[in-house]
Amino acid sequence: SNVCFNACMKISSSQKTCQILC
């Protein structure tokens, strides 16, 4: 089975982008 987690990157002082990596 895959282990998944959220990878978040801060792209500005008020915004974040997150994606699920498996």
PDB file of N, CA and C in Angstrom:
ATOM      1  N   SER A   1       0.847  -1.198   0.000  1.00  0.00           N
ATOM      2  CA  SER A   1       0.000   0.000   0.000  1.00  0.00           C
ATOM      3  C   SER A   1       0.879   1.244   0.000  1.00  0.00           C
ATOM      4  N   ASN A   2       0.366   2.312  -0.564  1.00  0.00           N
ATOM      5  CA  ASN A   2       1.131   3.547  -0.663  1.00  0.00           C
ATOM      6  C   ASN A   2       0.988   4.368   0.610  1.00  0.00           C
ATOM      7  N   VAL A   3       2.062   5.030   0.957  1.00  0.00           N
ATOM      8  CA  VAL A   3       2.032   5.990   2.063  1.00  0.00           C
ATOM      9  C   VAL A   3       1.947   7.373   1.441  1.00  0.00           C
ATOM     10  N   CYS A   4       0.937   8.128   1.831  1.00  0.00           N
ATOM     11  CA  CYS A   4       0.708   9.446   1.239  1.00  0.00           C
ATOM     12  C   CYS A   4       0.877  10.528   2.301  1.00  0.00           C
ATOM     13  N   PHE A   5       1.311  11.694   1.849  1.00  0.00           N
ATOM     14  CA  PHE A   5       1.469  12.813   2.767  1.00  0.00           C
ATOM     15  C   PHE A   5       1.282  14.107   1.993  1.00  0.00           C
ATOM     16  N   ASN A   6       1.001  15.171   2.743  1.00  0.00           N
ATOM     17  CA  ASN A   6       0.845  16.486   2.144  1.00  0.00           C
ATOM     18  C   ASN A   6       2.193  17.158   2.034  1.00  0.00           C
ATOM     19  N   ALA A   7       2.522  17.637   0.850  1.00  0.00           N
ATOM     20  CA  ALA A   7       3.726  18.437   0.652  1.00  0.00           C
ATOM     21  C   ALA A   7       3.280  19.871   0.372  1.00  0.00           C
ATOM     22  N   CYS A   8       3.632  20.755   1.294  1.00  0.00           N
ATOM     23  CA  CYS A   8       3.192  22.145   1.157  1.00  0.00           C
ATOM     24  C   CYS A   8       4.400  23.049   0.948  1.00  0.00           C
ATOM     25  N   MET A   9       4.238  24.003   0.052  1.00  0.00           N
ATOM     26  CA  MET A   9       5.283  24.987  -0.200  1.00  0.00           C
ATOM     27  C   MET A   9       4.688  26.378  -0.038  1.00  0.00           C
ATOM     28  N   LYS A  10       5.414  27.216   0.648  1.00  0.00           N
ATOM     29  CA  LYS A  10       4.979  28.600   0.796  1.00  0.00           C
ATOM     30  C   LYS A  10       5.447  29.380  -0.427  1.00  0.00           C
ATOM     31  N   ILE A  11       4.495  29.986  -1.134  1.00  0.00           N
ATOM     32  CA  ILE A  11       4.859  30.690  -2.364  1.00  0.00           C
ATOM     33  C   ILE A  11       4.775  32.200  -2.202  1.00  0.00           C
ATOM     34  N   SER A  12       4.176  32.656  -1.116  1.00  0.00           N
ATOM     35  CA  SER A  12       4.195  34.079  -0.801  1.00  0.00           C
ATOM     36  C   SER A  12       3.858  34.217   0.668  1.00  0.00           C
ATOM     37  N   SER A  13       3.789  35.450   1.151  1.00  0.00           N
ATOM     38  CA  SER A  13       3.586  35.642   2.579  1.00  0.00           C
ATOM     39  C   SER A  13       2.181  35.243   3.000  1.00  0.00           C
ATOM     40  N   SER A  14       1.263  35.110   2.047  1.00  0.00           N
ATOM     41  CA  SER A  14      -0.116  34.809   2.421  1.00  0.00           C
ATOM     42  C   SER A  14      -0.670  33.594   1.693  1.00  0.00           C
ATOM     43  N   GLN A  15       0.127  32.964   0.848  1.00  0.00           N
ATOM     44  CA  GLN A  15      -0.379  31.843   0.054  1.00  0.00           C
ATOM     45  C   GLN A  15       0.490  30.617   0.230  1.00  0.00           C
ATOM     46  N   LYS A  16      -0.174  29.475   0.218  1.00  0.00           N
ATOM     47  CA  LYS A  16       0.522  28.197   0.259  1.00  0.00           C
ATOM     48  C   LYS A  16      -0.065  27.308  -0.817  1.00  0.00           C
ATOM     49  N   THR A  17       0.754  26.431  -1.359  1.00  0.00           N
ATOM     50  CA  THR A  17       0.248  25.419  -2.281  1.00  0.00           C
ATOM     51  C   THR A  17       0.596  24.057  -1.721  1.00  0.00           C
ATOM     52  N   CYS A  18      -0.380  23.174  -1.723  1.00  0.00           N
ATOM     53  CA  CYS A  18      -0.183  21.850  -1.160  1.00  0.00           C
ATOM     54  C   CYS A  18      -0.594  20.801  -2.180  1.00  0.00           C
ATOM     55  N   GLN A  19       0.098  19.659  -2.138  1.00  0.00           N
ATOM     56  CA  GLN A  19      -0.325  18.540  -2.952  1.00  0.00           C
ATOM     57  C   GLN A  19      -0.048  17.260  -2.204  1.00  0.00           C
ATOM     58  N   ILE A  20      -0.757  16.216  -2.575  1.00  0.00           N
ATOM     59  CA  ILE A  20      -0.606  14.923  -1.932  1.00  0.00           C
ATOM     60  C   ILE A  20       0.368  14.090  -2.740  1.00  0.00           C
ATOM     61  N   LEU A  21       1.403  13.617  -2.079  1.00  0.00           N
ATOM     62  CA  LEU A  21       2.394  12.758  -2.719  1.00  0.00           C
ATOM     63  C   LEU A  21       2.217  11.343  -2.208  1.00  0.00           C
ATOM     64  N   CYS A  22       2.222  10.392  -3.143  1.00  0.00           N
ATOM     65  CA  CYS A  22       2.080   8.996  -2.757  1.00  0.00           C
ATOM     66  C   CYS A  22       3.261   8.188  -3.284  1.00  0.00           C
TER      67      CYS A  22
END
